[in-house]
C-alpha atoms as a PDB file:
ATOM      1  CA  UNK A   1      51.915  35.987  -0.620  1.00  0.00           C
ATOM      2  CA  UNK A   2      50.440  32.489  -0.798  1.00  0.00           C
ATOM      3  CA  UNK A   3      52.682  29.450  -0.887  1.00  0.00           C
ATOM      4  CA  UNK A   4      51.706  26.961  -3.588  1.00  0.00           C
ATOM      5  CA  UNK A   5      53.158  23.477  -4.192  1.00  0.00           C
ATOM      6  CA  UNK A   6      55.941  23.473  -6.806  1.00  0.00           C
ATOM      7  CA  UNK A   7      54.222  20.666  -8.753  1.00  0.00           C
ATOM      8  CA  UNK A   8      50.519  19.875  -9.192  1.00  0.00           C
ATOM      9  CA  UNK A   9      50.883  16.414  -7.603  1.00  0.00           C
ATOM     10  CA  UNK A  10      53.212  17.509  -4.791  1.00  0.00           C
ATOM     11  CA  UNK A  11      52.171  15.680  -1.591  1.00  0.00           C
ATOM     12  CA  UNK A  12      51.652  18.017   1.294  1.00  0.00           C
ATOM     13  CA  UNK A  13      49.276  18.404   4.220  1.00  0.00           C
ATOM     14  CA  UNK A  14      47.020  21.408   3.881  1.00  0.00           C
ATOM     15  CA  UNK A  15      47.420  22.335   7.537  1.00  0.00           C
ATOM     16  CA  UNK A  16      51.200  22.315   7.672  1.00  0.00           C
ATOM     17  CA  UNK A  17      53.224  25.348   6.774  1.00  0.00           C
ATOM     18  CA  UNK A  18      55.772  25.354   4.024  1.00  0.00           C
ATOM     19  CA  UNK A  19      59.369  24.901   5.261  1.00  0.00           C
ATOM     20  CA  UNK A  20      60.240  28.232   3.667  1.00  0.00           C
ATOM     21  CA  UNK A  21      57.226  30.303   4.572  1.00  0.00           C
ATOM     22  CA  UNK A  22      55.147  31.237   7.568  1.00  0.00           C
ATOM     23  CA  UNK A  23      51.975  30.675   5.571  1.00  0.00           C
ATOM     24  CA  UNK A  24      50.245  27.601   4.251  1.00  0.00           C
ATOM     25  CA  UNK A  25      47.940  27.063   1.282  1.00  0.00           C
ATOM     26  CA  UNK A  26      44.186  26.799   1.428  1.00  0.00           C
ATOM     27  CA  UNK A  27      42.911  23.301   2.045  1.00  0.00           C
ATOM     28  CA  UNK A  28      40.032  23.545  -0.400  1.00  0.00           C
ATOM     29  CA  UNK A  29      41.775  21.854  -3.327  1.00  0.00           C
ATOM     30  CA  UNK A  30      43.633  19.167  -1.373  1.00  0.00           C
ATOM     31  CA  UNK A  31      41.407  18.592   1.654  1.00  0.00           C
ATOM     32  CA  UNK A  32      38.195  17.808  -0.189  1.00  0.00           C
ATOM     33  CA  UNK A  33      39.519  14.909  -2.326  1.00  0.00           C
ATOM     34  CA  UNK A  34      41.120  13.345   0.756  1.00  0.00           C
ATOM     35  CA  UNK A  35      37.826  13.552   2.662  1.00  0.00           C
ATOM     36  CA  UNK A  36      35.966  12.176  -0.343  1.00  0.00           C
ATOM     37  CA  UNK A  37      38.316   9.194  -0.606  1.00  0.00           C
ATOM     38  CA  UNK A  38      37.981   8.577   3.135  1.00  0.00           C
ATOM     39  CA  UNK A  39      34.179   8.601   2.982  1.00  0.00           C
ATOM     40  CA  UNK A  40      34.195   6.318  -0.059  1.00  0.00           C
ATOM     41  CA  UNK A  41      36.491   3.841   1.660  1.00  0.00           C
ATOM     42  CA  UNK A  42      34.314   3.804   4.783  1.00  0.00           C
ATOM     43  CA  UNK A  43      31.155   3.265   2.736  1.00  0.00           C
ATOM     44  CA  UNK A  44      32.776   0.362   0.890  1.00  0.00           C
ATOM     45  CA  UNK A  45      33.802  -1.187   4.183  1.00  0.00           C
ATOM     46  CA  UNK A  46      30.296  -0.824   5.608  1.00  0.00           C
ATOM     47  CA  UNK A  47      28.733  -2.438   2.532  1.00  0.00           C
ATOM     48  CA  UNK A  48      31.238  -5.289   2.707  1.00  0.00           C
ATOM     49  CA  UNK A  49      30.394  -5.856   6.375  1.00  0.00           C
ATOM     50  CA  UNK A  50      26.684  -5.832   5.590  1.00  0.00           C
ATOM     51  CA  UNK A  51      26.642  -8.307   2.716  1.00  0.00           C
ATOM     52  CA  UNK A  52      29.416 -10.608   3.892  1.00  0.00           C
ATOM     53  CA  UNK A  53      27.766 -10.682   7.327  1.00  0.00           C
ATOM     54  CA  UNK A  54      24.324 -11.509   5.939  1.00  0.00           C
ATOM     55  CA  UNK A  55      25.770 -14.240   3.707  1.00  0.00           C
ATOM     56  CA  UNK A  56      27.635 -15.795   6.634  1.00  0.00           C
ATOM     57  CA  UNK A  57      24.446 -15.595   8.675  1.00  0.00           C
ATOM     58  CA  UNK A  58      22.638 -17.727   6.101  1.00  0.00           C
ATOM     59  CA  UNK A  59      25.543 -20.201   6.095  1.00  0.00           C
ATOM     60  CA  UNK A  60      25.525 -20.411   9.898  1.00  0.00           C
ATOM     61  CA  UNK A  61      21.808 -21.232   9.916  1.00  0.00           C
ATOM     62  CA  UNK A  62      22.361 -23.962   7.321  1.00  0.00           C
ATOM     63  CA  UNK A  63      25.133 -25.495   9.453  1.00  0.00           C
ATOM     64  CA  UNK A  64      22.748 -25.723  12.394  1.00  0.00           C
ATOM     65  CA  UNK A  65      20.007 -27.219  10.227  1.00  0.00           C
ATOM     66  CA  UNK A  66      22.333 -29.936   8.927  1.00  0.00           C
ATOM     67  CA  UNK A  67      23.623 -30.615  12.455  1.00  0.00           C
ATOM     68  CA  UNK A  68      20.077 -31.673  13.324  1.00  0.00           C
ATOM     69  CA  UNK A  69      20.123 -31.078  17.081  1.00  0.00           C
ATOM     70  CA  UNK A  70      18.087 -27.894  17.431  1.00  0.00           C
ATOM     71  CA  UNK A  71      17.738 -24.448  15.917  1.00  0.00           C
ATOM     72  CA  UNK A  72      17.311 -20.909  17.171  1.00  0.00           C
ATOM     73  CA  UNK A  73      13.671 -19.868  17.756  1.00  0.00           C
ATOM     74  CA  UNK A  74      13.108 -18.093  14.444  1.00  0.00           C
ATOM     75  CA  UNK A  75      14.679 -20.877  12.380  1.00  0.00           C
ATOM     76  CA  UNK A  76      12.586 -23.423  14.281  1.00  0.00           C
ATOM     77  CA  UNK A  77       9.574 -21.456  13.050  1.00  0.00           C
ATOM     78  CA  UNK A  78      10.946 -21.176   9.502  1.00  0.00           C
ATOM     79  CA  UNK A  79      11.640 -24.910   9.385  1.00  0.00           C
ATOM     80  CA  UNK A  80       8.179 -25.760  10.756  1.00  0.00           C
ATOM     81  CA  UNK A  81       6.513 -23.419   8.274  1.00  0.00           C
ATOM     82  CA  UNK A  82       8.489 -25.028   5.456  1.00  0.00           C
ATOM     83  CA  UNK A  83       7.353 -28.468   6.616  1.00  0.00           C
ATOM     84  CA  UNK A  84       3.731 -27.420   6.388  1.00  0.00           C
ATOM     85  CA  UNK A  85       3.894 -25.479   3.113  1.00  0.00           C
ATOM     86  CA  UNK A  86       6.554 -27.334   1.158  1.00  0.00           C
ATOM     87  CA  UNK A  87       8.709 -24.204   0.994  1.00  0.00           C
ATOM     88  CA  UNK A  88      12.457 -24.374   1.372  1.00  0.00           C
ATOM     89  CA  UNK A  89      13.832 -22.871   4.583  1.00  0.00           C
ATOM     90  CA  UNK A  90      15.270 -19.964   2.631  1.00  0.00           C
ATOM     91  CA  UNK A  91      11.922 -19.146   1.052  1.00  0.00           C
ATOM     92  CA  UNK A  92      10.183 -19.472   4.433  1.00  0.00           C
ATOM     93  CA  UNK A  93      12.788 -17.104   5.925  1.00  0.00           C
ATOM     94  CA  UNK A  94      12.167 -14.515   3.205  1.00  0.00           C
ATOM     95  CA  UNK A  95       8.366 -14.753   3.478  1.00  0.00           C
ATOM     96  CA  UNK A  96       8.417 -14.448   7.275  1.00  0.00           C
ATOM     97  CA  UNK A  97      10.900 -11.552   7.095  1.00  0.00           C
ATOM     98  CA  UNK A  98       8.649  -9.684   4.658  1.00  0.00           C
ATOM     99  CA  UNK A  99       5.579 -10.353   6.833  1.00  0.00           C
ATOM    100  CA  UNK A 100       7.372  -9.116   9.952  1.00  0.00           C
ATOM    101  CA  UNK A 101       8.449  -6.019   8.032  1.00  0.00           C
ATOM    102  CA  UNK A 102       4.766  -5.221   7.410  1.00  0.00           C
ATOM    103  CA  UNK A 103       4.273  -5.189  11.182  1.00  0.00           C
ATOM    104  CA  UNK A 104       6.653  -2.211  11.300  1.00  0.00           C
ATOM    105  CA  UNK A 105       3.958   0.002   9.786  1.00  0.00           C
ATOM    106  CA  UNK A 106       1.686   0.325  12.854  1.00  0.00           C
ATOM    107  CA  UNK A 107       4.660   0.706  15.219  1.00  0.00           C
ATOM    108  CA  UNK A 108       6.218   3.346  12.936  1.00  0.00           C
ATOM    109  CA  UNK A 109       9.586   1.748  12.371  1.00  0.00           C
ATOM    110  CA  UNK A 110      11.614   2.866   9.348  1.00  0.00           C
ATOM    111  CA  UNK A 111      13.541   0.254   7.361  1.00  0.00           C
ATOM    112  CA  UNK A 112      17.028   0.848   6.040  1.00  0.00           C
ATOM    113  CA  UNK A 113      19.183  -0.796   3.402  1.00  0.00           C
ATOM    114  CA  UNK A 114      20.254  -3.419   5.932  1.00  0.00           C
ATOM    115  CA  UNK A 115      16.620  -4.212   6.778  1.00  0.00           C
ATOM    116  CA  UNK A 116      15.602  -4.992   3.202  1.00  0.00           C
ATOM    117  CA  UNK A 117      18.874  -6.792   2.493  1.00  0.00           C
ATOM    118  CA  UNK A 118      18.371  -8.914   5.606  1.00  0.00           C
ATOM    119  CA  UNK A 119      15.016 -10.140   4.303  1.00  0.00           C
ATOM    120  CA  UNK A 120      16.451 -11.319   0.970  1.00  0.00           C
ATOM    121  CA  UNK A 121      20.137 -12.188   1.397  1.00  0.00           C
ATOM    122  CA  UNK A 122      19.906 -14.485   4.435  1.00  0.00           C
ATOM    123  CA  UNK A 123      17.238 -16.656   2.802  1.00  0.00           C
ATOM    124  CA  UNK A 124      19.147 -16.931  -0.478  1.00  0.00           C
ATOM    125  CA  UNK A 125      22.420 -17.722   1.313  1.00  0.00           C
ATOM    126  CA  UNK A 126      20.673 -20.318   3.485  1.00  0.00           C
ATOM    127  CA  UNK A 127      19.180 -22.186   0.521  1.00  0.00           C
ATOM    128  CA  UNK A 128      22.480 -22.054  -1.387  1.00  0.00           C
ATOM    129  CA  UNK A 129      24.318 -23.469   1.648  1.00  0.00           C
ATOM    130  CA  UNK A 130      21.728 -26.177   2.296  1.00  0.00           C
ATOM    131  CA  UNK A 131      22.087 -27.289  -1.316  1.00  0.00           C
ATOM    132  CA  UNK A 132      25.761 -28.215  -0.797  1.00  0.00           C
ATOM    133  CA  UNK A 133      25.990 -29.135   2.905  1.00  0.00           C
ATOM    134  CA  UNK A 134      25.288 -32.784   3.802  1.00  0.00           C
ATOM    135  CA  UNK A 135      23.454 -33.875   6.932  1.00  0.00           C
ATOM    136  CA  UNK A 136      25.719 -34.633   9.896  1.00  0.00           C
ATOM    137  CA  UNK A 137      25.286 -38.120  11.363  1.00  0.00           C
ATOM    138  CA  UNK A 138      26.371 -39.060  14.869  1.00  0.00           C
ATOM    139  CA  UNK A 139      27.030 -36.749  17.794  1.00  0.00           C
ATOM    140  CA  UNK A 140      30.760 -36.691  16.992  1.00  0.00           C
ATOM    141  CA  UNK A 141      29.871 -34.666  13.877  1.00  0.00           C
ATOM    142  CA  UNK A 142      26.623 -33.046  14.966  1.00  0.00           C
ATOM    143  CA  UNK A 143      27.939 -31.286  18.074  1.00  0.00           C
ATOM    144  CA  UNK A 144      31.004 -29.638  16.436  1.00  0.00           C
ATOM    145  CA  UNK A 145      28.897 -28.582  13.452  1.00  0.00           C
ATOM    146  CA  UNK A 146      26.220 -27.094  15.688  1.00  0.00           C
ATOM    147  CA  UNK A 147      28.852 -25.219  17.718  1.00  0.00           C
ATOM    148  CA  UNK A 148      30.486 -23.965  14.515  1.00  0.00           C
ATOM    149  CA  UNK A 149      27.096 -22.705  13.355  1.00  0.00           C
ATOM    150  CA  UNK A 150      26.467 -20.850  16.626  1.00  0.00           C
ATOM    151  CA  UNK A 151      29.920 -19.210  16.617  1.00  0.00           C
ATOM    152  CA  UNK A 152      29.647 -18.274  12.930  1.00  0.00           C
ATOM    153  CA  UNK A 153      26.228 -16.791  13.652  1.00  0.00           C
ATOM    154  CA  UNK A 154      27.823 -14.568  16.291  1.00  0.00           C
ATOM    155  CA  UNK A 155      30.521 -13.511  13.800  1.00  0.00           C
ATOM    156  CA  UNK A 156      27.908 -12.748  11.153  1.00  0.00           C
ATOM    157  CA  UNK A 157      25.716 -10.817  13.591  1.00  0.00           C
ATOM    158  CA  UNK A 158      28.597  -8.641  14.745  1.00  0.00           C
ATOM    159  CA  UNK A 159      29.669  -8.010  11.158  1.00  0.00           C
ATOM    160  CA  UNK A 160      26.351  -7.006   9.631  1.00  0.00           C
ATOM    161  CA  UNK A 161      25.198  -4.937  12.623  1.00  0.00           C
ATOM    162  CA  UNK A 162      28.520  -3.050  12.614  1.00  0.00           C
ATOM    163  CA  UNK A 163      27.629  -1.768   9.130  1.00  0.00           C
ATOM    164  CA  UNK A 164      24.795   0.253  10.729  1.00  0.00           C
ATOM    165  CA  UNK A 165      22.442   0.151   7.777  1.00  0.00           C
ATOM    166  CA  UNK A 166      19.386  -0.576   9.903  1.00  0.00           C
ATOM    167  CA  UNK A 167      18.191  -3.532  11.983  1.00  0.00           C
ATOM    168  CA  UNK A 168      16.794  -6.744  10.591  1.00  0.00           C
ATOM    169  CA  UNK A 169      12.986  -7.029  10.495  1.00  0.00           C
ATOM    170  CA  UNK A 170      12.815  -9.219  13.613  1.00  0.00           C
ATOM    171  CA  UNK A 171      15.078  -6.976  15.702  1.00  0.00           C
ATOM    172  CA  UNK A 172      13.201  -3.923  14.469  1.00  0.00           C
ATOM    173  CA  UNK A 173       9.927  -5.478  15.603  1.00  0.00           C
ATOM    174  CA  UNK A 174      11.435  -6.030  19.054  1.00  0.00           C
ATOM    175  CA  UNK A 175      12.782  -2.485  19.433  1.00  0.00           C
ATOM    176  CA  UNK A 176       9.601  -0.970  17.976  1.00  0.00           C
ATOM    177  CA  UNK A 177       7.389  -2.834  20.454  1.00  0.00           C
ATOM    178  CA  UNK A 178       9.735  -1.819  23.260  1.00  0.00           C
ATOM    179  CA  UNK A 179       9.349   1.828  22.288  1.00  0.00           C
ATOM    180  CA  UNK A 180       5.571   1.667  21.837  1.00  0.00           C
ATOM    181  CA  UNK A 181       4.742  -0.420  24.928  1.00  0.00           C
ATOM    182  CA  UNK A 182       7.358   0.751  27.412  1.00  0.00           C
ATOM    183  CA  UNK A 183       8.294  -2.847  28.226  1.00  0.00           C
ATOM    184  CA  UNK A 184      11.988  -3.673  28.526  1.00  0.00           C
ATOM    185  CA  UNK A 185      13.848  -4.903  25.430  1.00  0.00           C
ATOM    186  CA  UNK A 186      14.730  -8.130  27.238  1.00  0.00           C
ATOM    187  CA  UNK A 187      11.099  -8.856  28.122  1.00  0.00           C
ATOM    188  CA  UNK A 188       9.816  -8.039  24.627  1.00  0.00           C
ATOM    189  CA  UNK A 189      12.476 -10.237  23.042  1.00  0.00           C
ATOM    190  CA  UNK A 190      11.759 -13.095  25.450  1.00  0.00           C
ATOM    191  CA  UNK A 191       8.018 -12.974  24.787  1.00  0.00           C
ATOM    192  CA  UNK A 192       8.478 -12.851  21.004  1.00  0.00           C
ATOM    193  CA  UNK A 193      10.965 -15.714  20.933  1.00  0.00           C
ATOM    194  CA  UNK A 194       8.899 -17.940  23.242  1.00  0.00           C
ATOM    195  CA  UNK A 195       5.876 -17.423  20.976  1.00  0.00           C
ATOM    196  CA  UNK A 196       7.922 -18.053  17.829  1.00  0.00           C
ATOM    197  CA  UNK A 197       9.649 -21.128  19.279  1.00  0.00           C
ATOM    198  CA  UNK A 198       6.377 -22.659  20.489  1.00  0.00           C
ATOM    199  CA  UNK A 199       4.736 -22.024  17.110  1.00  0.00           C
ATOM    200  CA  UNK A 200       7.693 -23.496  15.236  1.00  0.00           C
ATOM    201  CA  UNK A 201       7.763 -26.593  17.419  1.00  0.00           C
ATOM    202  CA  UNK A 202       4.017 -27.084  16.919  1.00  0.00           C
ATOM    203  CA  UNK A 203       4.545 -26.853  13.150  1.00  0.00           C
ATOM    204  CA  UNK A 204       7.287 -29.494  13.233  1.00  0.00           C
ATOM    205  CA  UNK A 205      10.459 -27.412  13.605  1.00  0.00           C
ATOM    206  CA  UNK A 206      13.506 -28.825  15.405  1.00  0.00           C
ATOM    207  CA  UNK A 207      14.009 -27.991  19.088  1.00  0.00           C
ATOM    208  CA  UNK A 208      16.933 -29.478  20.989  1.00  0.00           C
ATOM    209  CA  UNK A 209      20.319 -28.921  22.568  1.00  0.00           C
ATOM    210  CA  UNK A 210      21.285 -26.521  19.800  1.00  0.00           C
ATOM    211  CA  UNK A 211      18.338 -24.297  20.739  1.00  0.00           C
ATOM    212  CA  UNK A 212      19.576 -24.023  24.325  1.00  0.00           C
ATOM    213  CA  UNK A 213      23.224 -23.462  23.319  1.00  0.00           C
ATOM    214  CA  UNK A 214      22.192 -20.735  20.879  1.00  0.00           C
ATOM    215  CA  UNK A 215      20.050 -18.959  23.477  1.00  0.00           C
ATOM    216  CA  UNK A 216      22.911 -18.931  26.005  1.00  0.00           C
ATOM    217  CA  UNK A 217      25.780 -18.107  23.649  1.00  0.00           C
ATOM    218  CA  UNK A 218      24.511 -15.715  20.987  1.00  0.00           C
ATOM    219  CA  UNK A 219      24.355 -12.620  23.223  1.00  0.00           C
ATOM    220  CA  UNK A 220      27.979 -12.728  24.417  1.00  0.00           C
ATOM    221  CA  UNK A 221      29.226 -13.788  20.967  1.00  0.00           C
ATOM    222  CA  UNK A 222      27.418 -10.962  19.171  1.00  0.00           C
ATOM    223  CA  UNK A 223      28.660  -8.405  21.698  1.00  0.00           C
ATOM    224  CA  UNK A 224      32.256  -9.602  21.308  1.00  0.00           C
ATOM    225  CA  UNK A 225      32.209  -9.558  17.507  1.00  0.00           C
ATOM    226  CA  UNK A 226      30.496  -6.171  17.414  1.00  0.00           C
ATOM    227  CA  UNK A 227      33.658  -4.810  19.060  1.00  0.00           C
ATOM    228  CA  UNK A 228      35.876  -6.771  16.666  1.00  0.00           C
ATOM    229  CA  UNK A 229      34.168  -5.433  13.541  1.00  0.00           C
ATOM    230  CA  UNK A 230      33.351  -1.915  14.770  1.00  0.00           C
ATOM    231  CA  UNK A 231      33.927   0.717  12.102  1.00  0.00           C
ATOM    232  CA  UNK A 232      35.302   3.950  13.611  1.00  0.00           C
ATOM    233  CA  UNK A 233      33.396   7.142  13.007  1.00  0.00           C
ATOM    234  CA  UNK A 234      35.149   9.545  10.620  1.00  0.00           C
ATOM    235  CA  UNK A 235      36.973  12.450  12.229  1.00  0.00           C
ATOM    236  CA  UNK A 236      35.034  15.723  11.942  1.00  0.00           C
ATOM    237  CA  UNK A 237      36.223  17.939   9.106  1.00  0.00           C
ATOM    238  CA  UNK A 238      38.195  21.017  10.119  1.00  0.00           C
ATOM    239  CA  UNK A 239      36.757  24.380   9.027  1.00  0.00           C
ATOM    240  CA  UNK A 240      38.249  25.764   5.853  1.00  0.00           C
ATOM    241  CA  UNK A 241      39.638  29.286   5.552  1.00  0.00           C
ATOM    242  CA  UNK A 242      37.745  31.771   3.438  1.00  0.00           C
ATOM    243  CA  UNK A 243      38.658  31.951  -0.243  1.00  0.00           C
ATOM    244  CA  UNK A 244      41.792  33.932  -0.745  1.00  0.00           C
ATOM    245  CA  UNK A 245      42.614  34.067   2.965  1.00  0.00           C
ATOM    246  CA  UNK A 246      46.031  33.000   4.182  1.00  0.00           C
ATOM    247  CA  UNK A 247      46.355  30.572   7.071  1.00  0.00           C
ATOM    248  CA  UNK A 248      48.630  31.557   9.900  1.00  0.00           C
ATOM    249  CA  UNK A 249      50.852  28.620  10.888  1.00  0.00           C
ATOM    250  CA  UNK A 250      51.001  29.869  14.487  1.00  0.00           C
ATOM    251  CA  UNK A 251      48.570  27.903  16.753  1.00  0.00           C
ATOM    252  CA  UNK A 252      45.676  29.928  18.100  1.00  0.00           C
ATOM    253  CA  UNK A 253      45.991  30.974  21.741  1.00  0.00           C
END
């Protein structure tokens, strides 16, 4: 005879036996809602990591721009392109991101939600931040602001990558070229960033101490914050008993 909870909302674990019976109820009615809530909570957390991370990324870039002592290679290019076209840095970031995404087609990369969001959200967040942040004057303000931007960039990188909704367009280009050419990821990234930095500098983008600090610090920072913001994988669901079958509380031998 099956054991059923005395009340419809009685809390019990579907895999534990009743204190008065050697049998336990099927987990179909109680197990599935719990799993559904768990999946929903994890999805919400991933989305929060993605969009908060991308927004902070845009803010971190704006902090480095206002510090005025050098940018990372891609932002040097975005700034130089903006100087030549009259675009804001955010618009230049979005246009370049979309153009790089087109380069995924011949190398057969597939974008995800995070890829498309990266193209749009970082540029919008950067322009919004630049609209309210003043320029820093004097090294006493410039250096701390640049360092804050680099650290925040590491935080943002770890947060949005931990969501695992797909790489940004620039990272996807790097990994796609690595896969298609057989060259190491480090070499492909180095070649891309040297070309981008040189082009940005030629267009009028800022290169300086901040560029060097970013290049040295961003790898360790991103790796550290990836561990901080890692979202654990959900536990695999246990197989359910057949309809109408009773579950023996005795462990299998």
